[in-house]
C-alpha atoms as a PDB file:
ATOM      1  CA  MET A   1      -8.870   8.222   5.376  1.00  0.00           C
ATOM      2  CA  PRO A   2      -7.221   9.796   2.327  1.00  0.00           C
ATOM      3  CA  GLU A   3      -4.444   7.695   0.825  1.00  0.00           C
ATOM      4  CA  ASN A   4      -2.040  10.660   0.718  1.00  0.00           C
ATOM      5  CA  ALA A   5      -2.605  11.756   4.325  1.00  0.00           C
ATOM      6  CA  ALA A   6       1.039  11.148   5.211  1.00  0.00           C
ATOM      7  CA  SER A   7       2.519  12.552   1.990  1.00  0.00           C
ATOM      8  CA  PHE A   8       4.095  15.914   2.851  1.00  0.00           C
ATOM      9  CA  THR A   9       5.822  16.713  -0.435  1.00  0.00           C
ATOM     10  CA  GLY A  10       6.146  19.529  -2.974  1.00  0.00           C
ATOM     11  CA  ASP A  11       5.674  22.968  -1.430  1.00  0.00           C
ATOM     12  CA  ILE A  12       3.950  21.570   1.668  1.00  0.00           C
ATOM     13  CA  PRO A  13       7.042  21.437   3.937  1.00  0.00           C
ATOM     14  CA  SER A  14       7.798  25.181   3.773  1.00  0.00           C
ATOM     15  CA  HIS A  15       4.186  26.168   4.539  1.00  0.00           C
ATOM     16  CA  TYR A  16       4.081  23.585   7.323  1.00  0.00           C
ATOM     17  CA  ASP A  17       7.289  24.850   8.864  1.00  0.00           C
ATOM     18  CA  THR A  18       6.721  28.612   8.756  1.00  0.00           C
ATOM     19  CA  GLY A  19       2.924  28.857   8.809  1.00  0.00           C
ATOM     20  CA  LEU A  20       1.855  26.087  11.170  1.00  0.00           C
ATOM     21  CA  GLY A  21       5.011  25.612  13.239  1.00  0.00           C
ATOM     22  CA  PRO A  22       4.963  28.821  15.307  1.00  0.00           C
ATOM     23  CA  VAL A  23       1.261  28.489  16.109  1.00  0.00           C
ATOM     24  CA  ILE A  24       0.595  24.826  16.826  1.00  0.00           C
ATOM     25  CA  PHE A  25       3.939  22.971  17.011  1.00  0.00           C
ATOM     26  CA  TYR A  26       6.640  25.046  18.707  1.00  0.00           C
ATOM     27  CA  ASP A  27       5.298  25.032  22.270  1.00  0.00           C
ATOM     28  CA  TYR A  28       4.547  21.317  22.224  1.00  0.00           C
ATOM     29  CA  ALA A  29       8.029  20.713  20.830  1.00  0.00           C
ATOM     30  CA  GLU A  30       9.510  22.579  23.800  1.00  0.00           C
ATOM     31  CA  ASP A  31       7.487  20.390  26.148  1.00  0.00           C
ATOM     32  CA  LEU A  32       8.433  17.142  24.406  1.00  0.00           C
ATOM     33  CA  SER A  33      12.144  17.931  24.160  1.00  0.00           C
ATOM     34  CA  GLY A  34      12.216  18.930  27.832  1.00  0.00           C
ATOM     35  CA  ARG A  35      10.719  15.604  28.832  1.00  0.00           C
ATOM     36  CA  CYS A  36      13.316  13.803  26.742  1.00  0.00           C
ATOM     37  CA  ARG A  37      16.200  15.713  28.293  1.00  0.00           C
ATOM     38  CA  SER A  38      14.991  14.837  31.790  1.00  0.00           C
ATOM     39  CA  LEU A  39      15.471  11.137  30.982  1.00  0.00           C
ATOM     40  CA  ASP A  40      19.206  11.669  30.334  1.00  0.00           C
ATOM     41  CA  PRO A  41      19.444   9.554  27.160  1.00  0.00           C
ATOM     42  CA  GLN A  42      22.628   8.700  25.266  1.00  0.00           C
ATOM     43  CA  HIS A  43      21.200   7.341  21.996  1.00  0.00           C
ATOM     44  CA  VAL A  44      18.022   9.027  20.722  1.00  0.00           C
ATOM     45  CA  LEU A  45      15.822   8.180  17.742  1.00  0.00           C
ATOM     46  CA  GLU A  46      13.244  10.655  16.476  1.00  0.00           C
ATOM     47  CA  LEU A  47      10.388   9.283  14.378  1.00  0.00           C
ATOM     48  CA  ALA A  48       8.270  11.328  11.939  1.00  0.00           C
ATOM     49  CA  ALA A  49      10.543  14.299  12.515  1.00  0.00           C
ATOM     50  CA  GLY A  50       8.959  16.397   9.777  1.00  0.00           C
ATOM     51  CA  THR A  51      10.814  19.655   9.215  1.00  0.00           C
ATOM     52  CA  GLY A  52      12.934  19.267  12.343  1.00  0.00           C
ATOM     53  CA  ILE A  53      10.932  21.389  14.772  1.00  0.00           C
ATOM     54  CA  VAL A  54      11.528  18.921  17.608  1.00  0.00           C
ATOM     55  CA  SER A  55      14.903  17.824  16.217  1.00  0.00           C
ATOM     56  CA  LEU A  56      16.339  21.308  16.613  1.00  0.00           C
ATOM     57  CA  ARG A  57      15.165  21.553  20.204  1.00  0.00           C
ATOM     58  CA  LEU A  58      16.438  18.092  21.047  1.00  0.00           C
ATOM     59  CA  ARG A  59      19.865  18.922  19.661  1.00  0.00           C
ATOM     60  CA  HIS A  60      20.006  22.121  21.707  1.00  0.00           C
ATOM     61  CA  ARG A  61      18.882  20.431  24.926  1.00  0.00           C
ATOM     62  CA  LEU A  62      20.638  17.095  24.791  1.00  0.00           C
ATOM     63  CA  PRO A  63      24.318  16.771  25.738  1.00  0.00           C
ATOM     64  CA  GLU A  64      26.717  17.143  22.815  1.00  0.00           C
ATOM     65  CA  ALA A  65      27.875  13.567  23.278  1.00  0.00           C
ATOM     66  CA  CYS A  66      24.322  12.230  22.881  1.00  0.00           C
ATOM     67  CA  ASP A  67      23.717  10.600  19.489  1.00  0.00           C
ATOM     68  CA  LEU A  68      20.577  11.823  17.698  1.00  0.00           C
ATOM     69  CA  THR A  69      19.127   9.956  14.724  1.00  0.00           C
ATOM     70  CA  VAL A  70      16.427  11.954  12.913  1.00  0.00           C
ATOM     71  CA  THR A  71      14.012  10.062  10.642  1.00  0.00           C
ATOM     72  CA  ASP A  72      10.934  10.684   8.549  1.00  0.00           C
ATOM     73  CA  LEU A  73       9.142   8.845   5.756  1.00  0.00           C
ATOM     74  CA  ASN A  74       9.002  12.006   3.611  1.00  0.00           C
ATOM     75  CA  GLU A  75      12.402  12.978   2.258  1.00  0.00           C
ATOM     76  CA  PRO A  76      11.392  16.592   1.379  1.00  0.00           C
ATOM     77  CA  MET A  77      10.494  17.170   5.033  1.00  0.00           C
ATOM     78  CA  LEU A  78      13.685  15.448   6.188  1.00  0.00           C
ATOM     79  CA  LYS A  79      15.839  17.595   3.902  1.00  0.00           C
ATOM     80  CA  LEU A  80      14.445  20.719   5.515  1.00  0.00           C
ATOM     81  CA  ALA A  81      15.196  19.274   8.950  1.00  0.00           C
ATOM     82  CA  GLU A  82      18.746  18.453   7.864  1.00  0.00           C
ATOM     83  CA  LYS A  83      19.237  22.001   6.607  1.00  0.00           C
ATOM     84  CA  LYS A  84      18.174  23.389   9.995  1.00  0.00           C
ATOM     85  CA  LEU A  85      20.695  21.226  11.822  1.00  0.00           C
ATOM     86  CA  SER A  86      23.510  21.593   9.319  1.00  0.00           C
ATOM     87  CA  GLY A  87      26.819  21.162  11.100  1.00  0.00           C
ATOM     88  CA  ALA A  88      25.336  19.722  14.280  1.00  0.00           C
ATOM     89  CA  GLY A  89      27.550  17.084  15.819  1.00  0.00           C
ATOM     90  CA  ASN A  90      26.469  13.526  16.617  1.00  0.00           C
ATOM     91  CA  THR A  91      23.363  13.951  14.449  1.00  0.00           C
ATOM     92  CA  ARG A  92      22.380  11.893  11.430  1.00  0.00           C
ATOM     93  CA  PHE A  93      19.364  11.849   9.144  1.00  0.00           C
ATOM     94  CA  GLN A  94      17.739   8.842   7.542  1.00  0.00           C
ATOM     95  CA  ALA A  95      14.498   8.184   5.707  1.00  0.00           C
ATOM     96  CA  ALA A  96      12.641   5.497   7.641  1.00  0.00           C
ATOM     97  CA  ASP A  97       9.252   3.837   7.893  1.00  0.00           C
ATOM     98  CA  ALA A  98       8.163   3.683  11.543  1.00  0.00           C
ATOM     99  CA  MET A  99       6.476   0.330  10.923  1.00  0.00           C
ATOM    100  CA  GLU A 100       9.693  -1.247   9.599  1.00  0.00           C
ATOM    101  CA  LEU A 101      12.635   0.505  11.199  1.00  0.00           C
ATOM    102  CA  PRO A 102      16.077  -0.088   9.638  1.00  0.00           C
ATOM    103  CA  PHE A 103      17.825  -0.391  13.008  1.00  0.00           C
ATOM    104  CA  ALA A 104      19.064  -3.295  15.083  1.00  0.00           C
ATOM    105  CA  ASP A 105      17.359  -4.467  18.250  1.00  0.00           C
ATOM    106  CA  HIS A 106      18.126  -2.428  21.370  1.00  0.00           C
ATOM    107  CA  SER A 107      19.836   0.401  19.436  1.00  0.00           C
ATOM    108  CA  PHE A 108      18.402   3.369  21.375  1.00  0.00           C
ATOM    109  CA  ASP A 109      17.561   4.315  24.933  1.00  0.00           C
ATOM    110  CA  LEU A 110      14.954   6.916  23.938  1.00  0.00           C
ATOM    111  CA  ILE A 111      12.524   7.450  21.054  1.00  0.00           C
ATOM    112  CA  ALA A 112      10.731  10.756  20.512  1.00  0.00           C
ATOM    113  CA  CYS A 113       7.829  11.445  18.165  1.00  0.00           C
ATOM    114  CA  GLN A 114       5.748  14.614  17.890  1.00  0.00           C
ATOM    115  CA  PHE A 115       2.285  14.284  16.312  1.00  0.00           C
ATOM    116  CA  GLY A 116       3.383  11.406  14.118  1.00  0.00           C
ATOM    117  CA  VAL A 117       1.831   8.208  15.437  1.00  0.00           C
ATOM    118  CA  MET A 118      -1.635   9.267  14.198  1.00  0.00           C
ATOM    119  CA  PHE A 119      -0.367   8.876  10.625  1.00  0.00           C
ATOM    120  CA  PHE A 120       1.050   5.363  11.033  1.00  0.00           C
ATOM    121  CA  PRO A 121      -1.309   3.002   9.130  1.00  0.00           C
ATOM    122  CA  ASP A 122      -0.639   0.127  11.553  1.00  0.00           C
ATOM    123  CA  LYS A 123      -0.090   1.759  14.926  1.00  0.00           C
ATOM    124  CA  ALA A 124       0.272  -1.483  16.871  1.00  0.00           C
ATOM    125  CA  ALA A 125       3.022  -2.599  14.463  1.00  0.00           C
ATOM    126  CA  ALA A 126       4.777   0.760  14.830  1.00  0.00           C
ATOM    127  CA  PHE A 127       4.685   0.478  18.618  1.00  0.00           C
ATOM    128  CA  ARG A 128       6.138  -3.037  18.407  1.00  0.00           C
ATOM    129  CA  GLU A 129       8.956  -1.729  16.222  1.00  0.00           C
ATOM    130  CA  ALA A 130       9.636   1.066  18.701  1.00  0.00           C
ATOM    131  CA  ALA A 131       9.870  -1.484  21.497  1.00  0.00           C
ATOM    132  CA  ARG A 132      12.172  -3.666  19.397  1.00  0.00           C
ATOM    133  CA  VAL A 133      14.786  -0.960  18.791  1.00  0.00           C
ATOM    134  CA  LEU A 134      14.664   0.343  22.368  1.00  0.00           C
ATOM    135  CA  LYS A 135      17.004  -0.971  25.019  1.00  0.00           C
ATOM    136  CA  PRO A 136      15.376  -2.533  28.103  1.00  0.00           C
ATOM    137  CA  GLY A 137      14.438   0.318  30.405  1.00  0.00           C
ATOM    138  CA  GLY A 138      14.434   2.819  27.532  1.00  0.00           C
ATOM    139  CA  HIS A 139      11.602   5.266  26.931  1.00  0.00           C
ATOM    140  CA  TYR A 140       9.244   6.218  24.121  1.00  0.00           C
ATOM    141  CA  VAL A 141       7.962   9.801  24.497  1.00  0.00           C
ATOM    142  CA  PHE A 142       5.322  10.908  22.007  1.00  0.00           C
ATOM    143  CA  ASN A 143       2.318  13.179  21.758  1.00  0.00           C
ATOM    144  CA  VAL A 144      -0.976  13.091  19.888  1.00  0.00           C
ATOM    145  CA  TRP A 145      -3.629  15.696  19.273  1.00  0.00           C
ATOM    146  CA  ALA A 146      -6.702  15.625  21.470  1.00  0.00           C
ATOM    147  CA  PRO A 147      -9.976  15.305  19.518  1.00  0.00           C
ATOM    148  CA  MET A 148     -10.840  17.943  16.956  1.00  0.00           C
ATOM    149  CA  ALA A 149     -13.464  19.466  19.247  1.00  0.00           C
ATOM    150  CA  ARG A 150     -10.639  20.458  21.612  1.00  0.00           C
ATOM    151  CA  ASN A 151      -8.623  21.933  18.748  1.00  0.00           C
ATOM    152  CA  PRO A 152     -11.078  24.240  16.979  1.00  0.00           C
ATOM    153  CA  PHE A 153      -8.608  25.414  14.329  1.00  0.00           C
ATOM    154  CA  ALA A 154      -8.853  21.917  12.840  1.00  0.00           C
ATOM    155  CA  GLU A 155     -12.653  21.936  13.029  1.00  0.00           C
ATOM    156  CA  ILE A 156     -12.659  25.255  11.208  1.00  0.00           C
ATOM    157  CA  ALA A 157     -10.302  24.098   8.447  1.00  0.00           C
ATOM    158  CA  ASP A 158     -12.157  20.826   7.990  1.00  0.00           C
ATOM    159  CA  SER A 159     -15.589  22.485   7.839  1.00  0.00           C
ATOM    160  CA  ALA A 160     -14.493  25.306   5.546  1.00  0.00           C
ATOM    161  CA  ALA A 161     -13.053  22.880   2.983  1.00  0.00           C
ATOM    162  CA  ALA A 162     -16.182  20.716   3.153  1.00  0.00           C
ATOM    163  CA  GLU A 163     -18.351  23.697   2.177  1.00  0.00           C
ATOM    164  CA  PHE A 164     -16.533  23.862  -1.164  1.00  0.00           C
ATOM    165  CA  PHE A 165     -16.807  20.109  -1.768  1.00  0.00           C
ATOM    166  CA  PRO A 166     -20.053  19.031  -0.066  1.00  0.00           C
ATOM    167  CA  GLU A 167     -20.330  15.784  -2.038  1.00  0.00           C
ATOM    168  CA  ASP A 168     -16.699  14.741  -1.549  1.00  0.00           C
ATOM    169  CA  PRO A 169     -15.136  16.737   1.308  1.00  0.00           C
ATOM    170  CA  PRO A 170     -11.365  16.552   1.815  1.00  0.00           C
ATOM    171  CA  GLY A 171     -10.587  14.136   4.616  1.00  0.00           C
ATOM    172  CA  PHE A 172      -7.082  15.070   5.730  1.00  0.00           C
ATOM    173  CA  TYR A 173      -7.996  16.677   9.058  1.00  0.00           C
ATOM    174  CA  LYS A 174      -9.807  13.551  10.188  1.00  0.00           C
ATOM    175  CA  VAL A 175      -6.437  11.757  10.292  1.00  0.00           C
ATOM    176  CA  PRO A 176      -4.335  13.677  12.848  1.00  0.00           C
ATOM    177  CA  PHE A 177      -7.353  14.220  15.105  1.00  0.00           C
ATOM    178  CA  HIS A 178      -8.810  10.718  15.236  1.00  0.00           C
ATOM    179  CA  TYR A 179      -6.464   9.346  17.906  1.00  0.00           C
ATOM    180  CA  GLY A 180      -7.052  11.582  20.897  1.00  0.00           C
ATOM    181  CA  ASP A 181      -8.577   8.997  23.253  1.00  0.00           C
ATOM    182  CA  PRO A 182      -5.796   7.788  25.594  1.00  0.00           C
ATOM    183  CA  GLU A 183      -7.511   4.434  25.997  1.00  0.00           C
ATOM    184  CA  ALA A 184      -7.362   3.857  22.226  1.00  0.00           C
ATOM    185  CA  VAL A 185      -3.641   4.606  22.271  1.00  0.00           C
ATOM    186  CA  LYS A 186      -3.044   2.288  25.217  1.00  0.00           C
ATOM    187  CA  ALA A 187      -4.957  -0.475  23.446  1.00  0.00           C
ATOM    188  CA  ASP A 188      -2.447  -0.304  20.595  1.00  0.00           C
ATOM    189  CA  LEU A 189       0.549  -0.450  22.948  1.00  0.00           C
ATOM    190  CA  ASN A 190       1.419  -4.090  23.494  1.00  0.00           C
ATOM    191  CA  GLY A 191       1.332  -4.513  27.271  1.00  0.00           C
ATOM    192  CA  ALA A 192       4.076  -7.141  27.151  1.00  0.00           C
ATOM    193  CA  ASP A 193       6.511  -4.558  25.757  1.00  0.00           C
ATOM    194  CA  TRP A 194       6.076  -1.819  28.339  1.00  0.00           C
ATOM    195  CA  SER A 195       6.550  -1.815  32.104  1.00  0.00           C
ATOM    196  CA  ASP A 196       4.957   1.603  32.531  1.00  0.00           C
ATOM    197  CA  ILE A 197       2.669   3.777  30.397  1.00  0.00           C
ATOM    198  CA  SER A 198       1.653   7.239  31.561  1.00  0.00           C
ATOM    199  CA  HIS A 199      -0.059  10.137  29.828  1.00  0.00           C
ATOM    200  CA  GLU A 200      -0.770  13.790  30.506  1.00  0.00           C
ATOM    201  CA  THR A 201      -3.193  16.186  28.823  1.00  0.00           C
ATOM    202  CA  ILE A 202      -1.533  19.486  27.855  1.00  0.00           C
ATOM    203  CA  PRO A 203      -3.909  22.382  27.101  1.00  0.00           C
ATOM    204  CA  GLN A 204      -2.672  25.676  25.694  1.00  0.00           C
ATOM    205  CA  ASP A 205      -4.083  29.118  25.047  1.00  0.00           C
ATOM    206  CA  LYS A 206      -2.314  30.248  21.887  1.00  0.00           C
ATOM    207  CA  THR A 207      -2.083  33.654  20.215  1.00  0.00           C
ATOM    208  CA  ILE A 208      -2.217  33.718  16.410  1.00  0.00           C
ATOM    209  CA  HIS A 209       0.057  36.627  15.508  1.00  0.00           C
ATOM    210  CA  ASN A 210      -0.401  36.297  11.745  1.00  0.00           C
ATOM    211  CA  ALA A 211      -3.855  34.906  11.060  1.00  0.00           C
ATOM    212  CA  GLU A 212      -3.517  35.255   7.293  1.00  0.00           C
ATOM    213  CA  LYS A 213      -0.355  33.156   7.170  1.00  0.00           C
ATOM    214  CA  PHE A 214      -1.838  30.584   9.544  1.00  0.00           C
ATOM    215  CA  ALA A 215      -5.029  30.248   7.457  1.00  0.00           C
ATOM    216  CA  GLU A 216      -2.943  29.860   4.305  1.00  0.00           C
ATOM    217  CA  ALA A 217      -0.830  27.155   5.939  1.00  0.00           C
ATOM    218  CA  LEU A 218      -3.930  25.280   7.086  1.00  0.00           C
ATOM    219  CA  VAL A 219      -4.581  24.742   3.365  1.00  0.00           C
ATOM    220  CA  TYR A 220      -1.103  24.642   1.818  1.00  0.00           C
ATOM    221  CA  GLY A 221       0.858  23.156   4.736  1.00  0.00           C
ATOM    222  CA  ASN A 222      -0.547  19.634   4.669  1.00  0.00           C
ATOM    223  CA  PRO A 223      -1.890  17.096   2.147  1.00  0.00           C
ATOM    224  CA  MET A 224      -5.320  18.766   2.076  1.00  0.00           C
ATOM    225  CA  ILE A 225      -3.906  20.977  -0.681  1.00  0.00           C
ATOM    226  CA  ASP A 226      -3.413  17.865  -2.812  1.00  0.00           C
ATOM    227  CA  GLU A 227      -7.010  16.828  -2.171  1.00  0.00           C
ATOM    228  CA  ILE A 228      -8.260  20.266  -3.256  1.00  0.00           C
ATOM    229  CA  ARG A 229      -6.123  20.292  -6.390  1.00  0.00           C
ATOM    230  CA  THR A 230      -7.168  16.751  -7.304  1.00  0.00           C
ATOM    231  CA  ARG A 231     -10.867  17.616  -7.026  1.00  0.00           C
ATOM    232  CA  GLY A 232     -10.382  20.797  -9.041  1.00  0.00           C
ATOM    233  CA  GLY A 233     -12.763  23.648  -9.694  1.00  0.00           C
ATOM    234  CA  VAL A 234     -11.851  25.595  -6.554  1.00  0.00           C
ATOM    235  CA  ASP A 235      -9.005  28.047  -6.011  1.00  0.00           C
ATOM    236  CA  PRO A 236      -7.198  26.955  -2.818  1.00  0.00           C
ATOM    237  CA  ASP A 237      -6.838  30.634  -1.914  1.00  0.00           C
ATOM    238  CA  GLU A 238     -10.637  30.789  -1.636  1.00  0.00           C
ATOM    239  CA  VAL A 239     -10.548  27.988   0.926  1.00  0.00           C
ATOM    240  CA  ALA A 240      -7.811  29.798   2.858  1.00  0.00           C
ATOM    241  CA  SER A 241      -9.898  33.004   2.795  1.00  0.00           C
ATOM    242  CA  ALA A 242     -12.932  31.137   4.154  1.00  0.00           C
ATOM    243  CA  ILE A 243     -10.775  29.686   6.938  1.00  0.00           C
ATOM    244  CA  LEU A 244      -9.456  33.146   7.796  1.00  0.00           C
ATOM    245  CA  ASP A 245     -12.989  34.534   8.019  1.00  0.00           C
ATOM    246  CA  ALA A 246     -14.013  31.646  10.268  1.00  0.00           C
ATOM    247  CA  LEU A 247     -10.993  32.158  12.531  1.00  0.00           C
ATOM    248  CA  HIS A 248     -11.911  35.819  12.987  1.00  0.00           C
ATOM    249  CA  SER A 249     -15.547  34.932  13.578  1.00  0.00           C
ATOM    250  CA  ARG A 250     -14.686  32.273  16.171  1.00  0.00           C
ATOM    251  CA  PHE A 251     -11.869  34.014  18.028  1.00  0.00           C
ATOM    252  CA  GLY A 252     -12.681  37.692  17.608  1.00  0.00           C
ATOM    253  CA  PRO A 253     -10.554  40.633  16.478  1.00  0.00           C
ATOM    254  CA  PRO A 254      -6.734  40.550  16.640  1.00  0.00           C
ATOM    255  CA  PRO A 255      -4.864  39.361  18.519  1.00  0.00           C
ATOM    256  CA  LEU A 256      -6.690  36.090  18.020  1.00  0.00           C
ATOM    257  CA  ARG A 257      -6.380  33.587  20.865  1.00  0.00           C
ATOM    258  CA  MET A 258      -7.460  29.985  20.543  1.00  0.00           C
ATOM    259  CA  PRO A 259      -7.285  26.817  22.639  1.00  0.00           C
ATOM    260  CA  LEU A 260      -5.117  23.832  21.763  1.00  0.00           C
ATOM    261  CA  GLU A 261      -4.946  20.462  23.436  1.00  0.00           C
ATOM    262  CA  ALA A 262      -2.618  17.479  23.114  1.00  0.00           C
ATOM    263  CA  VAL A 263      -1.873  14.326  25.084  1.00  0.00           C
ATOM    264  CA  VAL A 264       1.719  13.304  25.780  1.00  0.00           C
ATOM    265  CA  PHE A 265       2.685   9.701  26.564  1.00  0.00           C
ATOM    266  CA  THR A 266       5.789   8.368  28.275  1.00  0.00           C
ATOM    267  CA  CYS A 267       6.270   4.612  27.927  1.00  0.00           C
ATOM    268  CA  ARG A 268       9.057   2.614  29.587  1.00  0.00           C
ATOM    269  CA  ARG A 269      10.377  -0.474  27.823  1.00  0.00           C
ATOM    270  CA  GLN A 270      10.281  -3.752  29.749  1.00  0.00           C
END
C-alpha cells in the first residue's frame, strides 16, 4: 500500500469535499448519523472525520446538550470540518491518531467513523483504543466500503490510472477497498472487548449529476494525485479525462447512475 494513502493534504480536501462528497459520501453519512442518533448518546467521538461530512449531520441530529468531539489525523481536513461547524455548541476539534487516542478511559458512550478504519495501519490496535475510550455498554458505529467490484467507480479510477503507469500503477484505491469482507473486520475486533457485533450491507443506486467534477475529484480528491505527480510525465487532467470517458462508457449517457455498496457495523462495548 502507498505510504501516503492516509495523507489528505494540500488541495485534496476541497476536491474531496465538493467533488466526491455529494456522490459517494453524503447518503452514507445520513445513514450513519441516523444510527448514532437512535442510540441516544451523550458524549460522542468521531474518528477520521475528514472534512466534516458526518460531523455536520451528527451535530444537526444529536441533542444540543450532547458533546461531540471531532478528530482526524490530517489537520487540513479537520480545519475544513471546523469551518463547516463554526459556532456549533458543545463541539470541539482535535487532531488525533486513532491508534493512540489522547483521551482517558471510558470518556465516550459512542464512537462514529465513516470510511476511516480501512486507512488505519494497525486496525486491531485502533479497535482496542476505541474500546478503551468507550464506556461499558457504549457503541462503536462505523462503515467500510464493500470490495471494489461492488463499487465500480473505484475500479474505473484504479484501472484508468494504471493505463498511464503500467510498470508502477498508483495504489491508492487498493487501500479503501481492501477491507470489505465482514469476517476480516470481525477478526480484527477483539472479542473480549465487545458484547455484540452486528453488520449490515447497504447498497445504493446513485446518480452522478456532474460527471466531469466527479471524475476530476477521483484524481484530485485523494492521495492518488500525489502518486501521479511523484511519478511525473503525465498530466493529471489526462487521467481525469480517461476516467470520465470510462464512466460514460460504463454507465451510459447522462444522467449517469451507478451502484455503490458499503457495510456498516455496530459494536457494543462489554
